[in-house]
């Protein structure tokens, strides 16, 4: 961690020049890039690339439209707007198909203790570690609705932790297609039951209730979190969806371990 950025070894077209926390990363062309010898050209042609770190999707849209950013990854909620502005703004929106990134939700399955106190409420831990509970959640999430409404029809359902773009993705993998009745059936098989208000209870009569967190500022995940909350309430669960600062979220995930359910993503 103490190594000066410019001394970090790189095998790609660029090497790290500098890094300013929460501001920007600067890359310079790698003078030792191996491909030069194959093409007999001085590549890469662009000698310096600056990645601005912009946490809010609203802010980077404003910066792109004002000309202070040269290129952006177009988020679903801005696609229609930017597509209309192509000629006026002298830019082109490209559809490259599904990218390598994935979004997922995960439950805290940790059964350990810290200072004698369980990291996860033992009652909730029993739910989260119940395979049928997690399968029911998978069946209850309406992925086609996410693709249609949140991704404006430009997304693709994710049925595995392996990206759909990967050559290792299995197209024949048995998927958890949206099926509310199947979800309810699995919950009953897992020892859960419903009261006369259609609220989900465990075998001991405890109301199934937990908190779902994601990082604030990411409009897609915020929209997905709201829909997941709605989908799971349809099978009797009481989900409290909250957005929190990204660094606070990561601190919970890898530090304090004080969390119940998290929505995050992996970039390819």
C-alpha atoms as a PDB file:
ATOM      1  CA  UNK A   1       0.000   0.000   0.000  1.00  0.00           C
ATOM      2  CA  UNK A   2       3.015   2.315   0.503  1.00  0.00           C
ATOM      3  CA  UNK A   3       4.345   1.766  -3.029  1.00  0.00           C
ATOM      4  CA  UNK A   4       4.295   4.978  -5.108  1.00  0.00           C
ATOM      5  CA  UNK A   5       1.594   4.520  -7.817  1.00  0.00           C
ATOM      6  CA  UNK A   6       4.023   5.071 -10.694  1.00  0.00           C
ATOM      7  CA  UNK A   7       6.117   2.106  -9.482  1.00  0.00           C
ATOM      8  CA  UNK A   8       3.283  -0.430  -9.596  1.00  0.00           C
ATOM      9  CA  UNK A   9       3.876  -3.006 -12.344  1.00  0.00           C
ATOM     10  CA  UNK A  10       1.409  -3.018 -15.249  1.00  0.00           C
ATOM     11  CA  UNK A  11       1.116  -5.480 -18.144  1.00  0.00           C
ATOM     12  CA  UNK A  12      -1.668  -3.681 -20.022  1.00  0.00           C
ATOM     13  CA  UNK A  13      -1.684  -0.654 -22.317  1.00  0.00           C
ATOM     14  CA  UNK A  14      -1.675   1.735 -19.355  1.00  0.00           C
ATOM     15  CA  UNK A  15       0.104   2.076 -16.038  1.00  0.00           C
ATOM     16  CA  UNK A  16      -1.027   3.924 -12.952  1.00  0.00           C
ATOM     17  CA  UNK A  17       0.287   7.487 -12.744  1.00  0.00           C
ATOM     18  CA  UNK A  18      -1.517   8.792  -9.671  1.00  0.00           C
ATOM     19  CA  UNK A  19      -4.550   8.230  -7.466  1.00  0.00           C
ATOM     20  CA  UNK A  20      -6.434  10.892  -5.513  1.00  0.00           C
ATOM     21  CA  UNK A  21      -8.884   9.400  -3.055  1.00  0.00           C
ATOM     22  CA  UNK A  22     -12.517   9.992  -4.071  1.00  0.00           C
ATOM     23  CA  UNK A  23     -11.351  12.358  -6.840  1.00  0.00           C
ATOM     24  CA  UNK A  24      -9.574  10.750  -9.815  1.00  0.00           C
ATOM     25  CA  UNK A  25      -7.242   8.051 -11.127  1.00  0.00           C
ATOM     26  CA  UNK A  26      -4.698   8.984 -13.814  1.00  0.00           C
ATOM     27  CA  UNK A  27      -3.232   6.400 -16.204  1.00  0.00           C
ATOM     28  CA  UNK A  28      -0.290   6.954 -18.576  1.00  0.00           C
ATOM     29  CA  UNK A  29       0.585   4.869 -21.618  1.00  0.00           C
ATOM     30  CA  UNK A  30       2.775   1.921 -20.652  1.00  0.00           C
ATOM     31  CA  UNK A  31       6.097   2.324 -22.539  1.00  0.00           C
ATOM     32  CA  UNK A  32       6.754  -1.412 -22.141  1.00  0.00           C
ATOM     33  CA  UNK A  33       3.398  -2.566 -23.500  1.00  0.00           C
ATOM     34  CA  UNK A  34       4.036  -5.957 -25.115  1.00  0.00           C
ATOM     35  CA  UNK A  35       1.717  -5.417 -28.098  1.00  0.00           C
ATOM     36  CA  UNK A  36       3.970  -2.742 -29.624  1.00  0.00           C
ATOM     37  CA  UNK A  37       6.323  -5.438 -30.877  1.00  0.00           C
ATOM     38  CA  UNK A  38       3.468  -7.301 -32.588  1.00  0.00           C
ATOM     39  CA  UNK A  39       1.877  -4.324 -34.334  1.00  0.00           C
ATOM     40  CA  UNK A  40       5.052  -2.250 -34.875  1.00  0.00           C
ATOM     41  CA  UNK A  41       3.053   0.785 -33.741  1.00  0.00           C
ATOM     42  CA  UNK A  42       3.373   3.077 -30.762  1.00  0.00           C
ATOM     43  CA  UNK A  43       0.251   2.023 -28.925  1.00  0.00           C
ATOM     44  CA  UNK A  44      -1.915   2.947 -27.146  1.00  0.00           C
ATOM     45  CA  UNK A  45      -2.669   5.977 -29.320  1.00  0.00           C
ATOM     46  CA  UNK A  46      -4.227   7.886 -26.419  1.00  0.00           C
ATOM     47  CA  UNK A  47      -1.342   8.592 -24.059  1.00  0.00           C
ATOM     48  CA  UNK A  48      -3.195   9.597 -20.916  1.00  0.00           C
ATOM     49  CA  UNK A  49      -6.576   8.586 -19.489  1.00  0.00           C
ATOM     50  CA  UNK A  50      -8.158  10.247 -16.465  1.00  0.00           C
ATOM     51  CA  UNK A  51     -10.961   8.507 -14.594  1.00  0.00           C
ATOM     52  CA  UNK A  52     -12.961  10.977 -12.555  1.00  0.00           C
ATOM     53  CA  UNK A  53     -14.503   9.403  -9.454  1.00  0.00           C
ATOM     54  CA  UNK A  54     -18.099  10.666  -9.341  1.00  0.00           C
ATOM     55  CA  UNK A  55     -20.235   8.916  -6.754  1.00  0.00           C
ATOM     56  CA  UNK A  56     -23.583  10.391  -7.820  1.00  0.00           C
ATOM     57  CA  UNK A  57     -25.025   9.293 -11.164  1.00  0.00           C
ATOM     58  CA  UNK A  58     -26.908  12.606 -11.343  1.00  0.00           C
ATOM     59  CA  UNK A  59     -23.636  14.535 -11.023  1.00  0.00           C
ATOM     60  CA  UNK A  60     -21.765  12.651 -13.728  1.00  0.00           C
ATOM     61  CA  UNK A  61     -24.695  13.152 -16.125  1.00  0.00           C
ATOM     62  CA  UNK A  62     -24.474  16.918 -15.567  1.00  0.00           C
ATOM     63  CA  UNK A  63     -20.702  16.836 -16.078  1.00  0.00           C
ATOM     64  CA  UNK A  64     -21.007  14.883 -19.317  1.00  0.00           C
ATOM     65  CA  UNK A  65     -23.675  17.174 -20.732  1.00  0.00           C
ATOM     66  CA  UNK A  66     -21.577  20.237 -19.844  1.00  0.00           C
ATOM     67  CA  UNK A  67     -18.559  18.753 -21.644  1.00  0.00           C
ATOM     68  CA  UNK A  68     -16.290  18.201 -18.623  1.00  0.00           C
ATOM     69  CA  UNK A  69     -16.408  14.416 -19.141  1.00  0.00           C
ATOM     70  CA  UNK A  70     -15.560  12.875 -22.526  1.00  0.00           C
ATOM     71  CA  UNK A  71     -17.144   9.456 -22.035  1.00  0.00           C
ATOM     72  CA  UNK A  72     -19.628   7.889 -19.658  1.00  0.00           C
ATOM     73  CA  UNK A  73     -21.353   4.567 -19.147  1.00  0.00           C
ATOM     74  CA  UNK A  74     -24.994   5.353 -19.919  1.00  0.00           C
ATOM     75  CA  UNK A  75     -27.280   4.438 -17.053  1.00  0.00           C
ATOM     76  CA  UNK A  76     -30.784   3.128 -17.900  1.00  0.00           C
ATOM     77  CA  UNK A  77     -32.587   6.123 -16.431  1.00  0.00           C
ATOM     78  CA  UNK A  78     -30.634   8.497 -18.702  1.00  0.00           C
ATOM     79  CA  UNK A  79     -30.723   6.459 -21.898  1.00  0.00           C
ATOM     80  CA  UNK A  80     -33.825   8.087 -23.430  1.00  0.00           C
ATOM     81  CA  UNK A  81     -32.603  11.599 -22.587  1.00  0.00           C
ATOM     82  CA  UNK A  82     -29.103  11.121 -24.019  1.00  0.00           C
ATOM     83  CA  UNK A  83     -30.396   9.293 -27.100  1.00  0.00           C
ATOM     84  CA  UNK A  84     -32.510  12.350 -27.968  1.00  0.00           C
ATOM     85  CA  UNK A  85     -29.509  14.663 -27.481  1.00  0.00           C
ATOM     86  CA  UNK A  86     -27.043  12.769 -29.715  1.00  0.00           C
ATOM     87  CA  UNK A  87     -27.084  15.223 -32.637  1.00  0.00           C
ATOM     88  CA  UNK A  88     -27.422  18.328 -30.499  1.00  0.00           C
ATOM     89  CA  UNK A  89     -24.635  17.243 -28.143  1.00  0.00           C
ATOM     90  CA  UNK A  90     -22.395  15.816 -30.898  1.00  0.00           C
ATOM     91  CA  UNK A  91     -21.966  12.408 -29.273  1.00  0.00           C
ATOM     92  CA  UNK A  92     -23.062   8.833 -29.976  1.00  0.00           C
ATOM     93  CA  UNK A  93     -24.759   6.359 -27.640  1.00  0.00           C
ATOM     94  CA  UNK A  94     -23.596   2.797 -28.330  1.00  0.00           C
ATOM     95  CA  UNK A  95     -25.440  -0.368 -27.309  1.00  0.00           C
ATOM     96  CA  UNK A  96     -22.763  -2.934 -26.577  1.00  0.00           C
ATOM     97  CA  UNK A  97     -25.172  -5.525 -25.197  1.00  0.00           C
ATOM     98  CA  UNK A  98     -24.953  -6.876 -21.635  1.00  0.00           C
ATOM     99  CA  UNK A  99     -21.744  -5.900 -19.868  1.00  0.00           C
ATOM    100  CA  UNK A 100     -19.788  -8.062 -17.455  1.00  0.00           C
ATOM    101  CA  UNK A 101     -21.264  -6.376 -14.415  1.00  0.00           C
ATOM    102  CA  UNK A 102     -23.821  -8.119 -12.209  1.00  0.00           C
ATOM    103  CA  UNK A 103     -26.157  -7.030  -9.423  1.00  0.00           C
ATOM    104  CA  UNK A 104     -27.040  -9.316  -6.544  1.00  0.00           C
ATOM    105  CA  UNK A 105     -28.486  -9.485  -3.051  1.00  0.00           C
ATOM    106  CA  UNK A 106     -26.857 -11.491  -0.288  1.00  0.00           C
ATOM    107  CA  UNK A 107     -27.875 -12.532   3.216  1.00  0.00           C
ATOM    108  CA  UNK A 108     -25.521 -12.534   6.181  1.00  0.00           C
ATOM    109  CA  UNK A 109     -24.995 -16.257   6.881  1.00  0.00           C
ATOM    110  CA  UNK A 110     -22.374 -15.642   9.568  1.00  0.00           C
ATOM    111  CA  UNK A 111     -23.161 -17.677  12.693  1.00  0.00           C
ATOM    112  CA  UNK A 112     -20.153 -16.439  14.666  1.00  0.00           C
ATOM    113  CA  UNK A 113     -19.958 -14.176  17.709  1.00  0.00           C
ATOM    114  CA  UNK A 114     -17.967 -11.096  18.665  1.00  0.00           C
ATOM    115  CA  UNK A 115     -17.345 -10.344  22.335  1.00  0.00           C
ATOM    116  CA  UNK A 116     -19.844 -13.067  23.172  1.00  0.00           C
ATOM    117  CA  UNK A 117     -22.612 -11.446  21.115  1.00  0.00           C
ATOM    118  CA  UNK A 118     -23.938 -13.083  17.919  1.00  0.00           C
ATOM    119  CA  UNK A 119     -23.070 -11.128  14.781  1.00  0.00           C
ATOM    120  CA  UNK A 120     -26.566 -11.824  13.453  1.00  0.00           C
ATOM    121  CA  UNK A 121     -29.743 -12.149  15.509  1.00  0.00           C
ATOM    122  CA  UNK A 122     -30.013 -15.959  16.006  1.00  0.00           C
ATOM    123  CA  UNK A 123     -33.697 -15.881  15.012  1.00  0.00           C
ATOM    124  CA  UNK A 124     -32.915 -14.185  11.690  1.00  0.00           C
ATOM    125  CA  UNK A 125     -29.789 -16.269  11.222  1.00  0.00           C
ATOM    126  CA  UNK A 126     -31.945 -19.403  11.188  1.00  0.00           C
ATOM    127  CA  UNK A 127     -34.037 -17.889   8.382  1.00  0.00           C
ATOM    128  CA  UNK A 128     -31.042 -16.778   6.312  1.00  0.00           C
ATOM    129  CA  UNK A 129     -29.299 -20.144   6.629  1.00  0.00           C
ATOM    130  CA  UNK A 130     -32.424 -21.981   5.529  1.00  0.00           C
ATOM    131  CA  UNK A 131     -31.890 -22.931   1.855  1.00  0.00           C
ATOM    132  CA  UNK A 132     -35.624 -22.959   1.117  1.00  0.00           C
ATOM    133  CA  UNK A 133     -35.897 -19.416   2.500  1.00  0.00           C
ATOM    134  CA  UNK A 134     -33.229 -18.188   0.083  1.00  0.00           C
ATOM    135  CA  UNK A 135     -34.728 -20.143  -2.816  1.00  0.00           C
ATOM    136  CA  UNK A 136     -38.118 -18.587  -2.066  1.00  0.00           C
ATOM    137  CA  UNK A 137     -36.557 -15.120  -2.217  1.00  0.00           C
ATOM    138  CA  UNK A 138     -35.019 -15.984  -5.597  1.00  0.00           C
ATOM    139  CA  UNK A 139     -38.392 -17.098  -6.981  1.00  0.00           C
ATOM    140  CA  UNK A 140     -40.159 -14.028  -5.559  1.00  0.00           C
ATOM    141  CA  UNK A 141     -37.988 -11.412  -7.308  1.00  0.00           C
ATOM    142  CA  UNK A 142     -39.592 -10.268 -10.541  1.00  0.00           C
ATOM    143  CA  UNK A 143     -36.521 -10.030 -12.799  1.00  0.00           C
ATOM    144  CA  UNK A 144     -38.503  -9.434 -16.040  1.00  0.00           C
ATOM    145  CA  UNK A 145     -40.097  -6.398 -14.387  1.00  0.00           C
ATOM    146  CA  UNK A 146     -36.645  -5.105 -13.386  1.00  0.00           C
ATOM    147  CA  UNK A 147     -35.440  -5.468 -16.984  1.00  0.00           C
ATOM    148  CA  UNK A 148     -38.529  -3.772 -18.423  1.00  0.00           C
ATOM    149  CA  UNK A 149     -39.035  -0.913 -15.974  1.00  0.00           C
ATOM    150  CA  UNK A 150     -35.636  -0.173 -14.445  1.00  0.00           C
ATOM    151  CA  UNK A 151     -33.345  -1.098 -17.343  1.00  0.00           C
ATOM    152  CA  UNK A 152     -35.806   0.214 -19.961  1.00  0.00           C
ATOM    153  CA  UNK A 153     -35.696  -3.178 -21.681  1.00  0.00           C
ATOM    154  CA  UNK A 154     -31.906  -2.953 -22.112  1.00  0.00           C
ATOM    155  CA  UNK A 155     -30.954  -5.343 -19.301  1.00  0.00           C
ATOM    156  CA  UNK A 156     -30.846  -9.100 -19.043  1.00  0.00           C
ATOM    157  CA  UNK A 157     -31.974 -11.367 -16.174  1.00  0.00           C
ATOM    158  CA  UNK A 158     -29.125 -12.630 -14.013  1.00  0.00           C
ATOM    159  CA  UNK A 159     -29.526 -16.237 -12.871  1.00  0.00           C
ATOM    160  CA  UNK A 160     -25.965 -16.934 -11.764  1.00  0.00           C
ATOM    161  CA  UNK A 161     -22.954 -15.156 -10.305  1.00  0.00           C
ATOM    162  CA  UNK A 162     -21.302 -15.765 -13.695  1.00  0.00           C
ATOM    163  CA  UNK A 163     -21.930 -12.907 -16.128  1.00  0.00           C
ATOM    164  CA  UNK A 164     -24.103 -13.700 -19.136  1.00  0.00           C
ATOM    165  CA  UNK A 165     -21.237 -12.399 -21.315  1.00  0.00           C
ATOM    166  CA  UNK A 166     -18.773 -14.928 -19.937  1.00  0.00           C
ATOM    167  CA  UNK A 167     -17.849 -17.954 -22.082  1.00  0.00           C
ATOM    168  CA  UNK A 168     -18.346 -19.982 -18.899  1.00  0.00           C
ATOM    169  CA  UNK A 169     -21.991 -18.958 -18.505  1.00  0.00           C
ATOM    170  CA  UNK A 170     -24.304 -21.981 -18.738  1.00  0.00           C
ATOM    171  CA  UNK A 171     -27.373 -21.206 -20.856  1.00  0.00           C
ATOM    172  CA  UNK A 172     -28.994 -24.455 -19.719  1.00  0.00           C
ATOM    173  CA  UNK A 173     -28.686 -23.614 -16.033  1.00  0.00           C
ATOM    174  CA  UNK A 174     -31.945 -24.146 -14.151  1.00  0.00           C
ATOM    175  CA  UNK A 175     -33.173 -20.647 -13.357  1.00  0.00           C
ATOM    176  CA  UNK A 176     -35.296 -19.278 -10.538  1.00  0.00           C
ATOM    177  CA  UNK A 177     -38.016 -17.839 -12.740  1.00  0.00           C
ATOM    178  CA  UNK A 178     -40.496 -15.454 -11.172  1.00  0.00           C
ATOM    179  CA  UNK A 179     -43.100 -17.587  -9.368  1.00  0.00           C
ATOM    180  CA  UNK A 180     -44.842 -16.232  -6.269  1.00  0.00           C
ATOM    181  CA  UNK A 181     -46.766 -19.441  -5.552  1.00  0.00           C
ATOM    182  CA  UNK A 182     -43.585 -21.513  -5.806  1.00  0.00           C
ATOM    183  CA  UNK A 183     -41.924 -19.120  -3.358  1.00  0.00           C
ATOM    184  CA  UNK A 184     -44.757 -19.503  -0.847  1.00  0.00           C
ATOM    185  CA  UNK A 185     -44.681 -23.283  -1.220  1.00  0.00           C
ATOM    186  CA  UNK A 186     -40.943 -23.383  -0.484  1.00  0.00           C
ATOM    187  CA  UNK A 187     -41.404 -21.219   2.603  1.00  0.00           C
ATOM    188  CA  UNK A 188     -44.036 -23.608   3.965  1.00  0.00           C
ATOM    189  CA  UNK A 189     -41.724 -26.542   3.230  1.00  0.00           C
ATOM    190  CA  UNK A 190     -39.000 -24.674   5.130  1.00  0.00           C
ATOM    191  CA  UNK A 191     -41.111 -24.469   8.294  1.00  0.00           C
ATOM    192  CA  UNK A 192     -42.679 -21.023   7.803  1.00  0.00           C
ATOM    193  CA  UNK A 193     -46.380 -20.239   7.991  1.00  0.00           C
ATOM    194  CA  UNK A 194     -48.842 -17.436   7.293  1.00  0.00           C
ATOM    195  CA  UNK A 195     -51.216 -15.719   9.708  1.00  0.00           C
ATOM    196  CA  UNK A 196     -54.693 -14.465   8.811  1.00  0.00           C
ATOM    197  CA  UNK A 197     -53.165 -11.191   7.516  1.00  0.00           C
ATOM    198  CA  UNK A 198     -50.953 -13.117   5.036  1.00  0.00           C
ATOM    199  CA  UNK A 199     -47.880 -12.134   7.054  1.00  0.00           C
ATOM    200  CA  UNK A 200     -45.002 -14.616   7.084  1.00  0.00           C
ATOM    201  CA  UNK A 201     -44.057 -16.144  10.439  1.00  0.00           C
ATOM    202  CA  UNK A 202     -41.408 -18.681  11.353  1.00  0.00           C
ATOM    203  CA  UNK A 203     -42.168 -21.915  13.226  1.00  0.00           C
ATOM    204  CA  UNK A 204     -41.941 -20.057  16.555  1.00  0.00           C
ATOM    205  CA  UNK A 205     -44.378 -17.352  15.504  1.00  0.00           C
ATOM    206  CA  UNK A 206     -41.763 -14.656  14.845  1.00  0.00           C
ATOM    207  CA  UNK A 207     -42.645 -12.164  12.088  1.00  0.00           C
ATOM    208  CA  UNK A 208     -40.152 -12.440   9.220  1.00  0.00           C
ATOM    209  CA  UNK A 209     -38.631  -8.967   9.111  1.00  0.00           C
ATOM    210  CA  UNK A 210     -35.179  -7.773   8.029  1.00  0.00           C
ATOM    211  CA  UNK A 211     -33.283  -4.782   6.632  1.00  0.00           C
ATOM    212  CA  UNK A 212     -32.021  -4.588   3.036  1.00  0.00           C
ATOM    213  CA  UNK A 213     -29.225  -2.063   2.407  1.00  0.00           C
ATOM    214  CA  UNK A 214     -27.600  -0.684  -0.715  1.00  0.00           C
ATOM    215  CA  UNK A 215     -25.361   2.288  -1.447  1.00  0.00           C
ATOM    216  CA  UNK A 216     -26.951   5.708  -1.866  1.00  0.00           C
ATOM    217  CA  UNK A 217     -26.455   7.620  -5.116  1.00  0.00           C
ATOM    218  CA  UNK A 218     -26.847   4.593  -7.394  1.00  0.00           C
ATOM    219  CA  UNK A 219     -30.260   5.168  -8.957  1.00  0.00           C
ATOM    220  CA  UNK A 220     -30.496   1.696 -10.519  1.00  0.00           C
ATOM    221  CA  UNK A 221     -29.848  -0.090  -7.228  1.00  0.00           C
ATOM    222  CA  UNK A 222     -32.169   2.248  -5.380  1.00  0.00           C
ATOM    223  CA  UNK A 223     -34.949   1.400  -7.842  1.00  0.00           C
ATOM    224  CA  UNK A 224     -34.132  -2.304  -7.670  1.00  0.00           C
ATOM    225  CA  UNK A 225     -34.157  -2.195  -3.868  1.00  0.00           C
ATOM    226  CA  UNK A 226     -37.600  -0.614  -3.841  1.00  0.00           C
ATOM    227  CA  UNK A 227     -38.918  -3.295  -6.181  1.00  0.00           C
ATOM    228  CA  UNK A 228     -37.311  -6.155  -4.219  1.00  0.00           C
ATOM    229  CA  UNK A 229     -38.917  -4.755  -1.066  1.00  0.00           C
ATOM    230  CA  UNK A 230     -42.284  -4.793  -2.855  1.00  0.00           C
ATOM    231  CA  UNK A 231     -41.754  -8.278  -4.330  1.00  0.00           C
ATOM    232  CA  UNK A 232     -40.828  -9.825  -0.975  1.00  0.00           C
ATOM    233  CA  UNK A 233     -43.719  -8.152   0.786  1.00  0.00           C
ATOM    234  CA  UNK A 234     -45.949  -9.981  -1.712  1.00  0.00           C
ATOM    235  CA  UNK A 235     -44.850 -13.261  -0.090  1.00  0.00           C
ATOM    236  CA  UNK A 236     -45.463 -11.930   3.428  1.00  0.00           C
ATOM    237  CA  UNK A 237     -42.013 -10.628   4.367  1.00  0.00           C
ATOM    238  CA  UNK A 238     -41.534  -7.247   6.067  1.00  0.00           C
ATOM    239  CA  UNK A 239     -38.494  -5.746   4.317  1.00  0.00           C
ATOM    240  CA  UNK A 240     -36.999  -2.443   5.438  1.00  0.00           C
ATOM    241  CA  UNK A 241     -35.063  -1.075   2.443  1.00  0.00           C
ATOM    242  CA  UNK A 242     -32.495   1.607   3.291  1.00  0.00           C
ATOM    243  CA  UNK A 243     -29.741   3.339   1.315  1.00  0.00           C
ATOM    244  CA  UNK A 244     -26.520   4.261   3.108  1.00  0.00           C
ATOM    245  CA  UNK A 245     -23.156   5.770   2.186  1.00  0.00           C
ATOM    246  CA  UNK A 246     -20.990   3.365   0.153  1.00  0.00           C
ATOM    247  CA  UNK A 247     -18.029   3.474   2.546  1.00  0.00           C
ATOM    248  CA  UNK A 248     -20.326   2.853   5.517  1.00  0.00           C
ATOM    249  CA  UNK A 249     -21.868  -0.091   3.654  1.00  0.00           C
ATOM    250  CA  UNK A 250     -18.467  -1.633   2.871  1.00  0.00           C
ATOM    251  CA  UNK A 251     -17.452  -1.085   6.506  1.00  0.00           C
ATOM    252  CA  UNK A 252     -20.433  -3.166   7.586  1.00  0.00           C
ATOM    253  CA  UNK A 253     -19.775  -5.825   4.944  1.00  0.00           C
ATOM    254  CA  UNK A 254     -16.076  -6.377   5.635  1.00  0.00           C
ATOM    255  CA  UNK A 255     -15.520  -4.798   9.050  1.00  0.00           C
ATOM    256  CA  UNK A 256     -18.213  -4.752  11.708  1.00  0.00           C
ATOM    257  CA  UNK A 257     -20.212  -7.524   9.923  1.00  0.00           C
ATOM    258  CA  UNK A 258     -23.290  -5.754  11.281  1.00  0.00           C
ATOM    259  CA  UNK A 259     -25.758  -6.272   8.440  1.00  0.00           C
ATOM    260  CA  UNK A 260     -28.636  -8.551   7.459  1.00  0.00           C
ATOM    261  CA  UNK A 261     -29.158  -8.294   3.698  1.00  0.00           C
ATOM    262  CA  UNK A 262     -27.225  -6.237   1.154  1.00  0.00           C
ATOM    263  CA  UNK A 263     -27.664  -5.395  -2.519  1.00  0.00           C
ATOM    264  CA  UNK A 264     -24.424  -4.743  -4.374  1.00  0.00           C
ATOM    265  CA  UNK A 265     -22.825  -5.379  -7.732  1.00  0.00           C
ATOM    266  CA  UNK A 266     -19.657  -6.749  -9.262  1.00  0.00           C
ATOM    267  CA  UNK A 267     -18.102  -5.063 -12.278  1.00  0.00           C
ATOM    268  CA  UNK A 268     -16.551  -7.473 -14.747  1.00  0.00           C
END
